Amino acid sequence: MAALGYGLTPFTAKWQCGGTLISERYVMTAAHCLDYSKEGLPKYVKLGMVNVQKDYSKYVQIQNVQSVLVNPSYNKTGKMNDIGLIMLEKDVQFNMYVLPACLDVEGAMKESRVLATGWGRTEYLGEASPNLLKVTLNIIARKDCNKVFNRPSKYGRLDNSRMCAGDLQGGKDTCQGDSGGPIQTLLQNPYCMYRIVGITSFGLTCGYQWAPAIYTRVFHFVPWIEHIVWSDASY
């Protein structure tokens, strides 16, 4: 899990979006996290911590951002194809707290629940959590999700590039500040415990009944990711 920092120095930066380390040099996040008009582009990526504000243990790494890449099909207004990549200035040093994640390369979602993590707000318009939090969410069927988004809106209807998750009874959700963070499922694999199936994109609110959130499906963009991240090992 990565945190994106916006500001002049890593010690004064605002950590406002999440991301996922996918190689020694690249972090995957939401495209809208790379298009913050107020804060500018992220300048830093922080890895290996639980407390994003105070944790500076020997395992924590702060990397400078070299460049950002937004998916060419990204639609800013409707947050369609909301995925981007961050290229770091130098390679990350892997350790027990900093390792690359496994991506969903199969696309078959057999699970009924997913795990979301982030440092976002704990309630709508509330305070962000300094500590990394997790929540288990139910995958919401497309027909049920489209009931929420069935009226004409800038966000459109759910398609194969996005997934819907939450708790229709309310109380469990992602929120502002969780954007760009991973949505994952558990694997029965000793070498890869979780796979990243989604990226937190947006929601209408946080934790309300019948108000699930929308997540970018990673599988849909694997060819684009592979072309950028692994096409040239020398960077």
C-alpha atoms as a PDB file:
ATOM      1  CA  MET A   1       0.000   0.000   0.000  1.00  0.00           C
ATOM      2  CA  ALA A   2       1.331   3.410  -0.993  1.00  0.00           C
ATOM      3  CA  ALA A   3       0.377   6.961  -0.030  1.00  0.00           C
ATOM      4  CA  LEU A   4       0.690   9.843  -2.499  1.00  0.00           C
ATOM      5  CA  GLY A   5       2.130  13.107  -1.219  1.00  0.00           C
ATOM      6  CA  TYR A   6       1.302  16.563  -2.563  1.00  0.00           C
ATOM      7  CA  GLY A   7       3.508  19.480  -1.538  1.00  0.00           C
ATOM      8  CA  LEU A   8       6.985  20.991  -1.615  1.00  0.00           C
ATOM      9  CA  THR A   9       8.684  18.563   0.771  1.00  0.00           C
ATOM     10  CA  PRO A  10       7.838  15.064   2.034  1.00  0.00           C
ATOM     11  CA  PHE A  11       7.641  16.409   5.592  1.00  0.00           C
ATOM     12  CA  THR A  12       5.007  19.035   4.749  1.00  0.00           C
ATOM     13  CA  ALA A  13       3.203  17.050   2.066  1.00  0.00           C
ATOM     14  CA  LYS A  14      -0.502  16.281   2.210  1.00  0.00           C
ATOM     15  CA  TRP A  15      -1.046  12.535   1.853  1.00  0.00           C
ATOM     16  CA  GLN A  16      -4.369  12.479   0.059  1.00  0.00           C
ATOM     17  CA  CYS A  17      -4.571   9.414  -2.192  1.00  0.00           C
ATOM     18  CA  GLY A  18      -3.575   5.786  -2.040  1.00  0.00           C
ATOM     19  CA  GLY A  19      -1.857   3.523  -4.511  1.00  0.00           C
ATOM     20  CA  THR A  20      -0.443   0.050  -5.021  1.00  0.00           C
ATOM     21  CA  LEU A  21       3.193  -0.835  -5.623  1.00  0.00           C
ATOM     22  CA  ILE A  22       3.261  -3.186  -8.632  1.00  0.00           C
ATOM     23  CA  SER A  23       6.990  -3.263  -9.469  1.00  0.00           C
ATOM     24  CA  GLU A  24      10.314  -1.845  -8.307  1.00  0.00           C
ATOM     25  CA  ARG A  25       9.536   1.385 -10.120  1.00  0.00           C
ATOM     26  CA  TYR A  26       5.777   1.756 -10.593  1.00  0.00           C
ATOM     27  CA  VAL A  27       2.763   2.520  -8.436  1.00  0.00           C
ATOM     28  CA  MET A  28      -0.796   2.050  -9.688  1.00  0.00           C
ATOM     29  CA  THR A  29      -3.463   4.532  -8.614  1.00  0.00           C
ATOM     30  CA  ALA A  30      -6.593   6.334  -9.796  1.00  0.00           C
ATOM     31  CA  ALA A  31      -6.216   8.753 -12.685  1.00  0.00           C
ATOM     32  CA  HIS A  32      -8.081  11.484 -10.818  1.00  0.00           C
ATOM     33  CA  CYS A  33      -5.370  11.363  -8.114  1.00  0.00           C
ATOM     34  CA  LEU A  34      -2.935  12.497 -10.810  1.00  0.00           C
ATOM     35  CA  ASP A  35      -5.135  15.418 -11.783  1.00  0.00           C
ATOM     36  CA  TYR A  36      -5.616  17.358  -8.572  1.00  0.00           C
ATOM     37  CA  SER A  37      -6.114  20.921  -9.815  1.00  0.00           C
ATOM     38  CA  LYS A  38      -5.772  22.398  -6.310  1.00  0.00           C
ATOM     39  CA  GLU A  39      -2.777  20.441  -5.024  1.00  0.00           C
ATOM     40  CA  GLY A  40      -1.061  19.807  -8.354  1.00  0.00           C
ATOM     41  CA  LEU A  41       0.595  16.520  -9.188  1.00  0.00           C
ATOM     42  CA  PRO A  42       1.848  14.145  -6.487  1.00  0.00           C
ATOM     43  CA  LYS A  43       5.522  14.724  -5.740  1.00  0.00           C
ATOM     44  CA  TYR A  44       6.194  11.812  -3.370  1.00  0.00           C
ATOM     45  CA  VAL A  45       5.190   8.226  -2.700  1.00  0.00           C
ATOM     46  CA  LYS A  46       5.450   6.790   0.816  1.00  0.00           C
ATOM     47  CA  LEU A  47       5.678   3.033   1.389  1.00  0.00           C
ATOM     48  CA  GLY A  48       5.993   0.584   4.271  1.00  0.00           C
ATOM     49  CA  MET A  49       4.070   2.391   7.010  1.00  0.00           C
ATOM     50  CA  VAL A  50       0.857   2.034   8.983  1.00  0.00           C
ATOM     51  CA  ASN A  51       0.632   5.605  10.313  1.00  0.00           C
ATOM     52  CA  VAL A  52       0.992   7.902   7.323  1.00  0.00           C
ATOM     53  CA  GLN A  53       1.792  10.955   9.466  1.00  0.00           C
ATOM     54  CA  LYS A  54       4.245   9.697  12.095  1.00  0.00           C
ATOM     55  CA  ASP A  55       5.666   6.373  10.959  1.00  0.00           C
ATOM     56  CA  TYR A  56       9.317   6.786   9.923  1.00  0.00           C
ATOM     57  CA  SER A  57      10.656   3.366  10.877  1.00  0.00           C
ATOM     58  CA  LYS A  58      13.571   1.725   9.091  1.00  0.00           C
ATOM     59  CA  TYR A  59      11.141  -0.027   6.743  1.00  0.00           C
ATOM     60  CA  VAL A  60       9.496   3.168   5.497  1.00  0.00           C
ATOM     61  CA  GLN A  61      10.581   4.535   2.123  1.00  0.00           C
ATOM     62  CA  ILE A  62       9.742   7.905   0.603  1.00  0.00           C
ATOM     63  CA  GLN A  63      10.333   8.060  -3.138  1.00  0.00           C
ATOM     64  CA  ASN A  64      10.303  11.041  -5.470  1.00  0.00           C
ATOM     65  CA  VAL A  65       7.880  10.894  -8.376  1.00  0.00           C
ATOM     66  CA  GLN A  66       9.613  10.996 -11.752  1.00  0.00           C
ATOM     67  CA  SER A  67       6.529  11.040 -13.981  1.00  0.00           C
ATOM     68  CA  VAL A  68       2.834  10.196 -14.059  1.00  0.00           C
ATOM     69  CA  LEU A  69       0.868   8.407 -16.756  1.00  0.00           C
ATOM     70  CA  VAL A  70      -2.905   8.693 -17.044  1.00  0.00           C
ATOM     71  CA  ASN A  71      -4.772   6.111 -19.082  1.00  0.00           C
ATOM     72  CA  PRO A  72      -5.457   7.696 -22.483  1.00  0.00           C
ATOM     73  CA  SER A  73      -9.157   6.748 -22.259  1.00  0.00           C
ATOM     74  CA  TYR A  74      -9.668   8.463 -18.906  1.00  0.00           C
ATOM     75  CA  ASN A  75     -12.722  10.714 -18.806  1.00  0.00           C
ATOM     76  CA  LYS A  76     -12.314  13.359 -16.130  1.00  0.00           C
ATOM     77  CA  THR A  77     -15.972  14.370 -15.992  1.00  0.00           C
ATOM     78  CA  GLY A  78     -17.411  10.900 -15.491  1.00  0.00           C
ATOM     79  CA  LYS A  79     -14.288   9.248 -14.033  1.00  0.00           C
ATOM     80  CA  MET A  80     -14.415   6.554 -16.687  1.00  0.00           C
ATOM     81  CA  ASN A  81     -11.223   4.467 -17.064  1.00  0.00           C
ATOM     82  CA  ASP A  82     -10.005   5.972 -13.794  1.00  0.00           C
ATOM     83  CA  ILE A  83      -6.531   4.460 -13.638  1.00  0.00           C
ATOM     84  CA  GLY A  84      -3.008   5.849 -13.797  1.00  0.00           C
ATOM     85  CA  LEU A  85       0.591   4.891 -13.140  1.00  0.00           C
ATOM     86  CA  ILE A  86       3.361   6.661 -11.250  1.00  0.00           C
ATOM     87  CA  MET A  87       6.973   6.118 -12.248  1.00  0.00           C
ATOM     88  CA  LEU A  88       9.342   6.573  -9.326  1.00  0.00           C
ATOM     89  CA  GLU A  89      12.688   8.308  -9.560  1.00  0.00           C
ATOM     90  CA  LYS A  90      14.570   5.197  -8.432  1.00  0.00           C
ATOM     91  CA  ASP A  91      13.908   1.558  -7.628  1.00  0.00           C
ATOM     92  CA  VAL A  92      12.155   0.646  -4.400  1.00  0.00           C
ATOM     93  CA  GLN A  93      14.093  -1.575  -2.003  1.00  0.00           C
ATOM     94  CA  PHE A  94      11.880  -4.534  -1.182  1.00  0.00           C
ATOM     95  CA  ASN A  95      11.584  -5.619   2.461  1.00  0.00           C
ATOM     96  CA  MET A  96       9.067  -7.407   4.678  1.00  0.00           C
ATOM     97  CA  TYR A  97       6.761  -4.359   4.578  1.00  0.00           C
ATOM     98  CA  VAL A  98       7.364  -3.213   1.002  1.00  0.00           C
ATOM     99  CA  LEU A  99       6.560  -5.743  -1.708  1.00  0.00           C
ATOM    100  CA  PRO A 100       4.824  -5.538  -5.095  1.00  0.00           C
ATOM    101  CA  ALA A 101       1.209  -6.644  -5.311  1.00  0.00           C
ATOM    102  CA  CYS A 102      -0.255  -9.305  -7.583  1.00  0.00           C
ATOM    103  CA  LEU A 103      -2.706  -8.029 -10.193  1.00  0.00           C
ATOM    104  CA  ASP A 104      -5.891  -9.723 -11.324  1.00  0.00           C
ATOM    105  CA  VAL A 105      -4.986 -11.177 -14.718  1.00  0.00           C
ATOM    106  CA  GLU A 106      -7.919 -13.602 -14.975  1.00  0.00           C
ATOM    107  CA  GLY A 107     -10.959 -11.379 -14.667  1.00  0.00           C
ATOM    108  CA  ALA A 108     -13.183 -14.079 -13.177  1.00  0.00           C
ATOM    109  CA  MET A 109     -14.659 -12.785  -9.931  1.00  0.00           C
ATOM    110  CA  LYS A 110     -15.838 -15.790  -7.923  1.00  0.00           C
ATOM    111  CA  GLU A 111     -15.657 -13.990  -4.594  1.00  0.00           C
ATOM    112  CA  SER A 112     -18.665 -12.207  -3.125  1.00  0.00           C
ATOM    113  CA  ARG A 113     -16.604  -9.893  -0.917  1.00  0.00           C
ATOM    114  CA  VAL A 114     -13.503  -7.747  -1.308  1.00  0.00           C
ATOM    115  CA  LEU A 115     -11.119  -5.945   1.042  1.00  0.00           C
ATOM    116  CA  ALA A 116     -10.485  -2.200   0.761  1.00  0.00           C
ATOM    117  CA  THR A 117      -7.663  -0.336   2.520  1.00  0.00           C
ATOM    118  CA  GLY A 118      -6.756   3.314   2.899  1.00  0.00           C
ATOM    119  CA  TRP A 119      -6.095   6.388   5.014  1.00  0.00           C
ATOM    120  CA  GLY A 120      -9.300   8.137   4.000  1.00  0.00           C
ATOM    121  CA  ARG A 121     -12.016   9.786   6.043  1.00  0.00           C
ATOM    122  CA  THR A 122     -13.959   7.656   8.494  1.00  0.00           C
ATOM    123  CA  GLU A 123     -17.228   9.417   7.663  1.00  0.00           C
ATOM    124  CA  TYR A 124     -18.544  11.778   5.002  1.00  0.00           C
ATOM    125  CA  LEU A 125     -16.787  15.160   5.374  1.00  0.00           C
ATOM    126  CA  GLY A 126     -15.065  13.833   8.501  1.00  0.00           C
ATOM    127  CA  GLU A 127     -11.400  13.573   9.406  1.00  0.00           C
ATOM    128  CA  ALA A 128      -8.916  11.366   7.569  1.00  0.00           C
ATOM    129  CA  SER A 129      -7.439   8.459   9.489  1.00  0.00           C
ATOM    130  CA  PRO A 130      -3.679   8.689  10.159  1.00  0.00           C
ATOM    131  CA  ASN A 131      -3.617   4.898  10.537  1.00  0.00           C
ATOM    132  CA  LEU A 132      -4.184   2.483   7.694  1.00  0.00           C
ATOM    133  CA  LEU A 133      -7.693   1.050   7.902  1.00  0.00           C
ATOM    134  CA  LYS A 134      -9.369  -1.874   6.178  1.00  0.00           C
ATOM    135  CA  VAL A 135     -12.966  -2.796   5.498  1.00  0.00           C
ATOM    136  CA  THR A 136     -14.654  -5.819   3.947  1.00  0.00           C
ATOM    137  CA  LEU A 137     -17.205  -4.893   1.292  1.00  0.00           C
ATOM    138  CA  ASN A 138     -19.830  -6.871  -0.578  1.00  0.00           C
ATOM    139  CA  ILE A 139     -19.661  -6.961  -4.350  1.00  0.00           C
ATOM    140  CA  ILE A 140     -22.911  -5.420  -5.556  1.00  0.00           C
ATOM    141  CA  ALA A 141     -24.611  -6.865  -8.627  1.00  0.00           C
ATOM    142  CA  ARG A 142     -24.572  -4.623 -11.670  1.00  0.00           C
ATOM    143  CA  LYS A 143     -28.366  -4.414 -11.839  1.00  0.00           C
ATOM    144  CA  ASP A 144     -28.546  -3.256  -8.213  1.00  0.00           C
ATOM    145  CA  CYS A 145     -25.730  -0.783  -8.664  1.00  0.00           C
ATOM    146  CA  ASN A 146     -27.326   0.684 -11.764  1.00  0.00           C
ATOM    147  CA  LYS A 147     -30.467   1.366  -9.731  1.00  0.00           C
ATOM    148  CA  VAL A 148     -28.378   3.878  -7.822  1.00  0.00           C
ATOM    149  CA  PHE A 149     -26.879   5.344 -10.985  1.00  0.00           C
ATOM    150  CA  ASN A 150     -29.912   4.900 -13.258  1.00  0.00           C
ATOM    151  CA  ARG A 151     -30.752   8.572 -13.539  1.00  0.00           C
ATOM    152  CA  PRO A 152     -28.919  10.602 -16.178  1.00  0.00           C
ATOM    153  CA  SER A 153     -25.659  11.693 -14.630  1.00  0.00           C
ATOM    154  CA  LYS A 154     -22.091  12.481 -15.552  1.00  0.00           C
ATOM    155  CA  TYR A 155     -20.975   9.095 -14.159  1.00  0.00           C
ATOM    156  CA  GLY A 156     -23.001   6.960 -16.551  1.00  0.00           C
ATOM    157  CA  ARG A 157     -23.911   3.340 -15.922  1.00  0.00           C
ATOM    158  CA  LEU A 158     -21.741   0.479 -14.732  1.00  0.00           C
ATOM    159  CA  ASP A 159     -19.854  -1.377 -17.470  1.00  0.00           C
ATOM    160  CA  ASN A 160     -17.187  -4.103 -17.578  1.00  0.00           C
ATOM    161  CA  SER A 161     -14.384  -1.662 -16.762  1.00  0.00           C
ATOM    162  CA  ARG A 162     -15.867  -0.857 -13.355  1.00  0.00           C
ATOM    163  CA  MET A 163     -17.202  -2.760 -10.372  1.00  0.00           C
ATOM    164  CA  CYS A 164     -19.533  -1.833  -7.561  1.00  0.00           C
ATOM    165  CA  ALA A 165     -19.012  -2.666  -3.882  1.00  0.00           C
ATOM    166  CA  GLY A 166     -20.240  -1.585  -0.481  1.00  0.00           C
ATOM    167  CA  ASP A 167     -22.890  -2.437   2.080  1.00  0.00           C
ATOM    168  CA  LEU A 168     -26.463  -1.736   1.001  1.00  0.00           C
ATOM    169  CA  GLN A 169     -27.467  -1.598   4.676  1.00  0.00           C
ATOM    170  CA  GLY A 170     -24.903   1.149   5.245  1.00  0.00           C
ATOM    171  CA  GLY A 171     -21.999   1.486   7.657  1.00  0.00           C
ATOM    172  CA  LYS A 172     -19.181  -0.002   5.567  1.00  0.00           C
ATOM    173  CA  ASP A 173     -17.592   1.934   2.734  1.00  0.00           C
ATOM    174  CA  THR A 174     -14.579   3.736   1.372  1.00  0.00           C
ATOM    175  CA  CYS A 175     -14.542   7.521   1.619  1.00  0.00           C
ATOM    176  CA  GLN A 176     -12.709  10.665   0.530  1.00  0.00           C
ATOM    177  CA  GLY A 177      -8.961  10.123   0.677  1.00  0.00           C
ATOM    178  CA  ASP A 178      -9.199   6.410  -0.105  1.00  0.00           C
ATOM    179  CA  SER A 179      -9.109   7.114  -3.847  1.00  0.00           C
ATOM    180  CA  GLY A 180      -6.447   5.226  -5.752  1.00  0.00           C
ATOM    181  CA  GLY A 181      -6.115   2.562  -3.082  1.00  0.00           C
ATOM    182  CA  PRO A 182      -6.459  -1.169  -3.747  1.00  0.00           C
ATOM    183  CA  ILE A 183      -9.479  -3.435  -3.696  1.00  0.00           C
ATOM    184  CA  GLN A 184      -8.285  -6.977  -3.153  1.00  0.00           C
ATOM    185  CA  THR A 185      -9.339 -10.587  -2.725  1.00  0.00           C
ATOM    186  CA  LEU A 186      -7.663 -13.348  -0.737  1.00  0.00           C
ATOM    187  CA  LEU A 187      -5.789 -16.080  -2.624  1.00  0.00           C
ATOM    188  CA  GLN A 188      -4.842 -19.562  -1.473  1.00  0.00           C
ATOM    189  CA  ASN A 189      -1.277 -19.033  -2.629  1.00  0.00           C
ATOM    190  CA  PRO A 190       1.752 -18.833  -0.303  1.00  0.00           C
ATOM    191  CA  TYR A 191       3.607 -16.592  -2.771  1.00  0.00           C
ATOM    192  CA  CYS A 192       0.759 -14.199  -3.423  1.00  0.00           C
ATOM    193  CA  MET A 193      -1.757 -13.857  -0.594  1.00  0.00           C
ATOM    194  CA  TYR A 194      -3.919 -11.196  -2.231  1.00  0.00           C
ATOM    195  CA  ARG A 195      -4.677 -10.053  -5.743  1.00  0.00           C
ATOM    196  CA  ILE A 196      -5.652  -6.510  -6.674  1.00  0.00           C
ATOM    197  CA  VAL A 197      -8.981  -6.571  -8.485  1.00  0.00           C
ATOM    198  CA  GLY A 198      -9.926  -2.904  -8.268  1.00  0.00           C
ATOM    199  CA  ILE A 199      -8.948   0.695  -7.575  1.00  0.00           C
ATOM    200  CA  THR A 200     -11.052   3.010  -5.425  1.00  0.00           C
ATOM    201  CA  SER A 201     -12.605   5.551  -7.774  1.00  0.00           C
ATOM    202  CA  PHE A 202     -15.632   7.412  -6.357  1.00  0.00           C
ATOM    203  CA  GLY A 203     -18.862   7.246  -4.412  1.00  0.00           C
ATOM    204  CA  LEU A 204     -21.897   9.453  -3.962  1.00  0.00           C
ATOM    205  CA  THR A 205     -21.355   9.607  -0.193  1.00  0.00           C
ATOM    206  CA  CYS A 206     -19.761   7.450   2.537  1.00  0.00           C
ATOM    207  CA  GLY A 207     -21.431   4.589   4.389  1.00  0.00           C
ATOM    208  CA  TYR A 208     -25.063   5.420   3.610  1.00  0.00           C
ATOM    209  CA  GLN A 209     -27.712   2.828   2.780  1.00  0.00           C
ATOM    210  CA  TRP A 210     -28.075   1.976  -0.893  1.00  0.00           C
ATOM    211  CA  ALA A 211     -25.041   4.078  -1.762  1.00  0.00           C
ATOM    212  CA  PRO A 212     -22.300   1.698  -2.962  1.00  0.00           C
ATOM    213  CA  ALA A 213     -19.072   3.021  -4.432  1.00  0.00           C
ATOM    214  CA  ILE A 214     -17.505   2.505  -7.843  1.00  0.00           C
ATOM    215  CA  TYR A 215     -14.108   0.889  -8.398  1.00  0.00           C
ATOM    216  CA  THR A 216     -11.992   0.592 -11.529  1.00  0.00           C
ATOM    217  CA  ARG A 217     -11.514  -3.049 -12.536  1.00  0.00           C
ATOM    218  CA  VAL A 218      -7.803  -3.794 -12.860  1.00  0.00           C
ATOM    219  CA  PHE A 219      -8.202  -6.772 -15.198  1.00  0.00           C
ATOM    220  CA  HIS A 220      -9.650  -4.543 -17.904  1.00  0.00           C
ATOM    221  CA  PHE A 221      -6.400  -2.533 -18.025  1.00  0.00           C
ATOM    222  CA  VAL A 222      -3.746  -5.250 -17.620  1.00  0.00           C
ATOM    223  CA  PRO A 223      -2.530  -5.010 -21.271  1.00  0.00           C
ATOM    224  CA  TRP A 224      -1.999  -1.254 -20.873  1.00  0.00           C
ATOM    225  CA  ILE A 225      -0.201  -1.739 -17.543  1.00  0.00           C
ATOM    226  CA  GLU A 226       2.057  -4.480 -18.903  1.00  0.00           C
ATOM    227  CA  HIS A 227       2.963  -2.431 -21.963  1.00  0.00           C
ATOM    228  CA  ILE A 228       4.231   0.421 -19.788  1.00  0.00           C
ATOM    229  CA  VAL A 229       5.662  -1.330 -16.739  1.00  0.00           C
ATOM    230  CA  TRP A 230       7.268  -4.441 -18.180  1.00  0.00           C
ATOM    231  CA  SER A 231       7.944  -3.652 -21.833  1.00  0.00           C
ATOM    232  CA  ASP A 232      11.384  -2.200 -21.036  1.00  0.00           C
ATOM    233  CA  ALA A 233      13.150  -3.639 -17.994  1.00  0.00           C
ATOM    234  CA  SER A 234      15.901  -1.012 -18.238  1.00  0.00           C
ATOM    235  CA  TYR A 235      13.334   1.802 -17.762  1.00  0.00           C
END
